Amino acid sequence: MSPTQIEAMIKGALPDAQVQLQDLTGGGDHWQAVVISSLFEGKSLVQRHQLVYRAVQPAMATEAIHALSLKTYTPQDWATNGQGA
């Protein structure tokens, strides 16, 4: 799966998201994603991850994405302690 496809899926659920993706193995099925969205405001870490996993669930169900490691931030979180963390 391409990073563009994954980013489009995430932005479908979180339209204001900034998404940074890294292919961890070079095979296109193990990814690390940093997602920054104002829609994470007031949500727990688990709730944030659920929003992203729900967005990419069709690709995970078919194993087009086998593994996805997440780091999720609100814009304020990112400005305060996300960059370089």
C-alpha atoms as a PDB file:
ATOM      1  CA  MET A   1       0.000   0.000   0.000  1.00  0.00           C
ATOM      2  CA  SER A   2       1.328   3.455  -0.828  1.00  0.00           C
ATOM      3  CA  PRO A   3       1.734   6.267   1.692  1.00  0.00           C
ATOM      4  CA  THR A   4      -0.599   8.383  -0.440  1.00  0.00           C
ATOM      5  CA  GLN A   5      -3.358   5.777  -0.127  1.00  0.00           C
ATOM      6  CA  ILE A   6      -2.930   5.495   3.637  1.00  0.00           C
ATOM      7  CA  GLU A   7      -2.872   9.280   4.055  1.00  0.00           C
ATOM      8  CA  ALA A   8      -6.090   9.560   2.004  1.00  0.00           C
ATOM      9  CA  MET A   9      -7.809   6.986   4.229  1.00  0.00           C
ATOM     10  CA  ILE A  10      -6.794   8.838   7.395  1.00  0.00           C
ATOM     11  CA  LYS A  11      -7.799  12.215   5.973  1.00  0.00           C
ATOM     12  CA  GLY A  12     -11.165  10.718   5.008  1.00  0.00           C
ATOM     13  CA  ALA A  13     -11.891  10.327   8.723  1.00  0.00           C
ATOM     14  CA  LEU A  14      -9.826  13.258   9.990  1.00  0.00           C
ATOM     15  CA  PRO A  15      -9.997  15.926   7.248  1.00  0.00           C
ATOM     16  CA  ASP A  16      -7.655  18.380   8.982  1.00  0.00           C
ATOM     17  CA  ALA A  17      -5.000  15.744   9.720  1.00  0.00           C
ATOM     18  CA  GLN A  18      -1.345  16.190   8.998  1.00  0.00           C
ATOM     19  CA  VAL A  19       0.064  12.727   8.349  1.00  0.00           C
ATOM     20  CA  GLN A  20       3.683  11.605   8.294  1.00  0.00           C
ATOM     21  CA  LEU A  21       4.272   8.011   7.255  1.00  0.00           C
ATOM     22  CA  GLN A  22       7.335   5.815   7.378  1.00  0.00           C
ATOM     23  CA  ASP A  23       7.530   2.373   5.773  1.00  0.00           C
ATOM     24  CA  LEU A  24       9.299   0.366   8.475  1.00  0.00           C
ATOM     25  CA  THR A  25      10.272  -2.672   6.377  1.00  0.00           C
ATOM     26  CA  GLY A  26      10.246  -1.474   2.773  1.00  0.00           C
ATOM     27  CA  GLY A  27       7.445  -3.898   1.936  1.00  0.00           C
ATOM     28  CA  GLY A  28       4.581  -1.408   2.136  1.00  0.00           C
ATOM     29  CA  ASP A  29       2.692  -3.298   4.841  1.00  0.00           C
ATOM     30  CA  HIS A  30       4.421  -2.227   8.103  1.00  0.00           C
ATOM     31  CA  TRP A  31       4.025   1.478   8.812  1.00  0.00           C
ATOM     32  CA  GLN A  32       4.663   4.096  11.429  1.00  0.00           C
ATOM     33  CA  ALA A  33       2.341   7.095  11.308  1.00  0.00           C
ATOM     34  CA  VAL A  34       2.429  10.428  13.057  1.00  0.00           C
ATOM     35  CA  VAL A  35      -1.030  11.990  12.903  1.00  0.00           C
ATOM     36  CA  ILE A  36      -1.774  15.542  14.026  1.00  0.00           C
ATOM     37  CA  SER A  37      -5.420  16.612  14.176  1.00  0.00           C
ATOM     38  CA  SER A  38      -7.578  19.046  16.096  1.00  0.00           C
ATOM     39  CA  LEU A  39     -10.197  16.272  16.237  1.00  0.00           C
ATOM     40  CA  PHE A  40      -8.031  14.608  18.896  1.00  0.00           C
ATOM     41  CA  GLU A  41      -8.786  17.461  21.345  1.00  0.00           C
ATOM     42  CA  GLY A  42     -10.282  16.085  24.559  1.00  0.00           C
ATOM     43  CA  LYS A  43      -9.756  12.450  23.530  1.00  0.00           C
ATOM     44  CA  SER A  44      -7.659   9.859  25.324  1.00  0.00           C
ATOM     45  CA  LEU A  45      -4.725   8.197  23.602  1.00  0.00           C
ATOM     46  CA  VAL A  46      -6.825   5.062  23.077  1.00  0.00           C
ATOM     47  CA  GLN A  47      -9.678   7.086  21.538  1.00  0.00           C
ATOM     48  CA  ARG A  48      -7.233   8.863  19.207  1.00  0.00           C
ATOM     49  CA  HIS A  49      -5.780   5.564  18.047  1.00  0.00           C
ATOM     50  CA  GLN A  50      -9.259   4.112  17.567  1.00  0.00           C
ATOM     51  CA  LEU A  51     -10.133   6.986  15.229  1.00  0.00           C
ATOM     52  CA  VAL A  52      -7.092   6.296  13.069  1.00  0.00           C
ATOM     53  CA  TYR A  53      -7.472   2.507  13.137  1.00  0.00           C
ATOM     54  CA  ARG A  54     -11.125   2.859  12.164  1.00  0.00           C
ATOM     55  CA  ALA A  55     -10.049   4.922   9.140  1.00  0.00           C
ATOM     56  CA  VAL A  56      -7.567   2.304   7.912  1.00  0.00           C
ATOM     57  CA  GLN A  57      -9.568  -0.762   8.997  1.00  0.00           C
ATOM     58  CA  PRO A  58     -10.450  -1.868   5.425  1.00  0.00           C
ATOM     59  CA  ALA A  59      -6.748  -2.037   4.529  1.00  0.00           C
ATOM     60  CA  MET A  60      -5.930  -3.854   7.767  1.00  0.00           C
ATOM     61  CA  ALA A  61      -8.760  -6.346   7.233  1.00  0.00           C
ATOM     62  CA  THR A  62      -7.231  -7.398   3.906  1.00  0.00           C
ATOM     63  CA  GLU A  63      -3.710  -7.226   5.388  1.00  0.00           C
ATOM     64  CA  ALA A  64      -2.678  -4.581   2.847  1.00  0.00           C
ATOM     65  CA  ILE A  65      -1.504  -2.994   6.098  1.00  0.00           C
ATOM     66  CA  HIS A  66      -0.181  -5.675   8.398  1.00  0.00           C
ATOM     67  CA  ALA A  67       1.118  -3.409  11.173  1.00  0.00           C
ATOM     68  CA  LEU A  68       0.622   0.244  12.033  1.00  0.00           C
ATOM     69  CA  SER A  69       2.466   2.027  14.820  1.00  0.00           C
ATOM     70  CA  LEU A  70       0.833   5.322  15.795  1.00  0.00           C
ATOM     71  CA  LYS A  71       1.820   8.585  17.402  1.00  0.00           C
ATOM     72  CA  THR A  72      -1.114  10.963  17.677  1.00  0.00           C
ATOM     73  CA  TYR A  73      -1.070  14.633  18.587  1.00  0.00           C
ATOM     74  CA  THR A  74      -3.345  17.634  18.740  1.00  0.00           C
ATOM     75  CA  PRO A  75      -1.811  20.675  17.018  1.00  0.00           C
ATOM     76  CA  GLN A  76      -0.995  22.131  20.449  1.00  0.00           C
ATOM     77  CA  ASP A  77       0.574  18.837  21.638  1.00  0.00           C
ATOM     78  CA  TRP A  78       2.694  18.785  18.499  1.00  0.00           C
ATOM     79  CA  ALA A  79       3.825  22.394  18.902  1.00  0.00           C
ATOM     80  CA  THR A  80       4.637  21.866  22.573  1.00  0.00           C
ATOM     81  CA  ASN A  81       6.313  18.468  22.684  1.00  0.00           C
ATOM     82  CA  GLY A  82       5.716  16.426  19.526  1.00  0.00           C
ATOM     83  CA  GLN A  83       8.344  17.763  17.190  1.00  0.00           C
ATOM     84  CA  GLY A  84      11.475  15.830  17.773  1.00  0.00           C
ATOM     85  CA  ALA A  85       9.938  13.755  20.564  1.00  0.00           C
END
